[in-house]
Protein backbone atom coordinates (compact mmCIF):
# COMPACT_ATOMS: atom_id res chain seq x y z
CA MET A 1 -15.58 -10.06 -18.43
CA ALA A 2 -14.13 -7.62 -16.49
CA ARG A 3 -11.16 -8.44 -14.52
CA ALA A 4 -11.36 -8.47 -10.98
CA THR A 5 -8.88 -5.58 -9.85
CA VAL A 6 -7.59 -4.59 -6.36
CA ARG A 7 -5.83 -1.27 -4.58
CA LEU A 8 -2.97 -1.80 -3.11
CA PHE A 9 -1.08 1.30 -0.58
CA VAL A 10 2.41 1.30 -0.88
CA TYR A 11 4.55 2.90 0.89
CA GLY A 12 8.72 2.18 0.43
CA SER A 13 10.41 0.76 -2.39
CA LEU A 14 7.49 -0.17 -4.33
CA LYS A 15 6.60 3.66 -4.59
CA ARG A 16 7.18 5.48 -8.33
CA GLU A 17 10.91 6.35 -7.41
CA GLY A 18 11.88 3.55 -5.35
CA ARG A 19 13.96 0.90 -6.30
CA HIS A 20 11.35 -2.04 -6.48
CA HIS A 21 8.57 0.49 -8.50
CA ASP A 22 9.58 -2.03 -11.66
CA GLU A 23 7.82 -4.93 -9.84
CA LEU A 24 4.62 -3.19 -10.08
CA GLN A 25 5.03 -2.02 -13.73
CA ALA A 26 5.29 -5.69 -14.02
CA ALA A 27 2.08 -6.58 -12.21
CA GLY A 28 0.58 -3.67 -14.66
CA ALA A 29 -0.88 -1.52 -11.52
CA THR A 30 -2.19 1.97 -12.52
CA PHE A 31 -1.15 4.93 -9.78
CA LEU A 32 -4.23 6.43 -8.02
CA GLY A 33 -2.91 9.03 -6.43
CA GLU A 34 -0.61 9.71 -3.31
CA ALA A 35 -2.61 8.58 -0.31
CA GLU A 36 -2.27 8.14 3.09
CA THR A 37 -3.63 5.33 5.63
CA ALA A 38 -6.24 6.39 8.39
CA PRO A 39 -4.71 6.63 11.85
CA GLY A 40 -3.04 4.04 13.77
CA TYR A 41 -0.12 3.15 11.77
CA ARG A 42 3.39 3.81 11.67
CA LEU A 43 6.50 2.55 9.35
CA VAL A 44 9.02 0.69 11.90
CA ALA A 45 12.64 -1.12 10.17
CA LEU A 46 12.49 -4.69 9.19
CA ASN A 47 15.28 -5.54 11.30
CA GLU A 48 18.32 -3.76 12.80
CA THR A 49 20.48 -4.89 9.40
CA ASP A 50 17.98 -3.66 7.04
CA ASP A 51 17.34 -0.22 5.71
CA TYR A 52 13.64 -1.79 4.42
CA LEU A 53 10.58 -0.46 6.30
CA ALA A 54 7.79 -2.05 7.36
CA LEU A 55 3.95 -1.26 8.28
CA VAL A 56 2.71 -1.87 11.36
CA HIS A 57 -0.07 -1.01 13.85
CA ALA A 58 0.50 1.87 16.18
CA GLY A 59 -2.61 1.10 18.35
CA PRO A 60 -6.28 2.29 18.17
CA ASN A 61 -5.37 6.08 19.53
CA ALA A 62 -2.31 6.48 17.90
CA PRO A 63 -2.97 9.59 16.03
CA ASN A 64 0.14 8.03 13.46
CA VAL A 65 -0.29 8.24 9.88
CA VAL A 66 1.65 6.81 7.06
CA SER A 67 1.86 8.68 3.41
CA GLY A 68 2.33 6.16 0.78
CA GLU A 69 0.78 5.92 -3.17
CA LEU A 70 -2.07 4.19 -4.06
CA PHE A 71 -2.12 1.64 -7.21
CA GLU A 72 -4.93 -0.62 -8.91
CA LEU A 73 -3.57 -3.69 -10.37
CA PRO A 74 -4.97 -7.07 -11.41
CA GLU A 75 -5.80 -9.40 -8.37
CA SER A 76 -4.24 -12.31 -9.85
CA ARG A 77 -1.00 -10.67 -9.89
CA LEU A 78 -0.83 -10.55 -5.99
CA PRO A 79 0.61 -13.63 -5.53
CA ALA A 80 3.83 -12.36 -7.75
CA LEU A 81 3.94 -9.63 -5.29
CA ASP A 82 3.67 -11.97 -2.12
CA ALA A 83 6.73 -13.74 -3.26
CA PHE A 84 8.64 -10.71 -4.06
CA GLU A 85 7.69 -9.10 -0.78
CA GLY A 86 8.84 -12.22 0.75
CA ASP A 87 8.32 -14.00 4.28
CA ALA A 88 8.85 -11.11 6.34
CA TYR A 89 5.81 -9.30 5.37
CA THR A 90 2.11 -10.36 5.06
CA ARG A 91 -1.11 -8.74 3.29
CA ALA A 92 -3.93 -7.44 5.16
CA ALA A 93 -6.68 -4.46 4.38
CA LEU A 94 -6.38 -0.90 5.59
CA LYS A 95 -8.42 1.91 5.11
CA VAL A 96 -6.60 4.86 3.08
CA GLN A 97 -7.41 7.99 1.71
CA LEU A 98 -5.89 10.07 -1.45
CA LYS A 99 -4.78 13.16 -0.68
CA ARG A 100 -5.79 14.73 -3.49
CA PRO A 101 -8.86 12.71 -5.22
CA SER A 102 -8.90 13.46 -9.12
CA ALA A 103 -11.31 14.18 -11.69
CA GLY A 104 -13.92 10.99 -12.03
CA GLU A 105 -16.00 9.41 -10.08
CA LEU A 106 -14.25 10.13 -6.58
CA LYS A 107 -14.29 13.83 -6.95
CA GLY A 108 -16.23 15.66 -4.61
CA LYS A 109 -16.96 12.24 -3.00
CA ASP A 110 -15.01 11.14 0.36
CA ALA A 111 -11.83 9.54 -1.01
CA SER A 112 -11.64 7.19 1.96
CA MET A 113 -11.22 3.65 0.77
CA GLU A 114 -10.58 0.41 1.45
CA SER A 115 -6.86 -1.07 0.18
CA LEU A 116 -4.32 -3.76 0.81
CA ALA A 117 -1.12 -3.07 2.17
CA TYR A 118 1.93 -5.17 3.18
CA PHE A 119 2.53 -5.30 6.83
CA ARG A 120 5.34 -6.28 8.72
CA LYS A 121 4.62 -10.37 10.08
CA ALA A 122 4.01 -10.98 13.57
CA ARG A 123 6.98 -12.57 14.65
């Protein structure tokens, strides 16, 4: 029986060069490529005293896109990442697109797909 996997879009400290990328490595994540969100998202500081960023909806007509990286990981590892991200973030779905689709099943196809990402939790 195949393991259930999910895609996760990351935009900050979980990226390959980020200071917390080891959390994704521990989760068994596989890098799929550089990606960006569909229009309508932006990054904001989590709070005034923190240098962590959070993804937010910028509005349906906002042209903003957020660049990041797309990973695939076992669905069973999401609770550990949720705990790492903490109470300031919530996980939700969004559309992303790979910047350079690689060989294989995505080559020559629309590279837009559903993914999960961590958003700033509403206050």
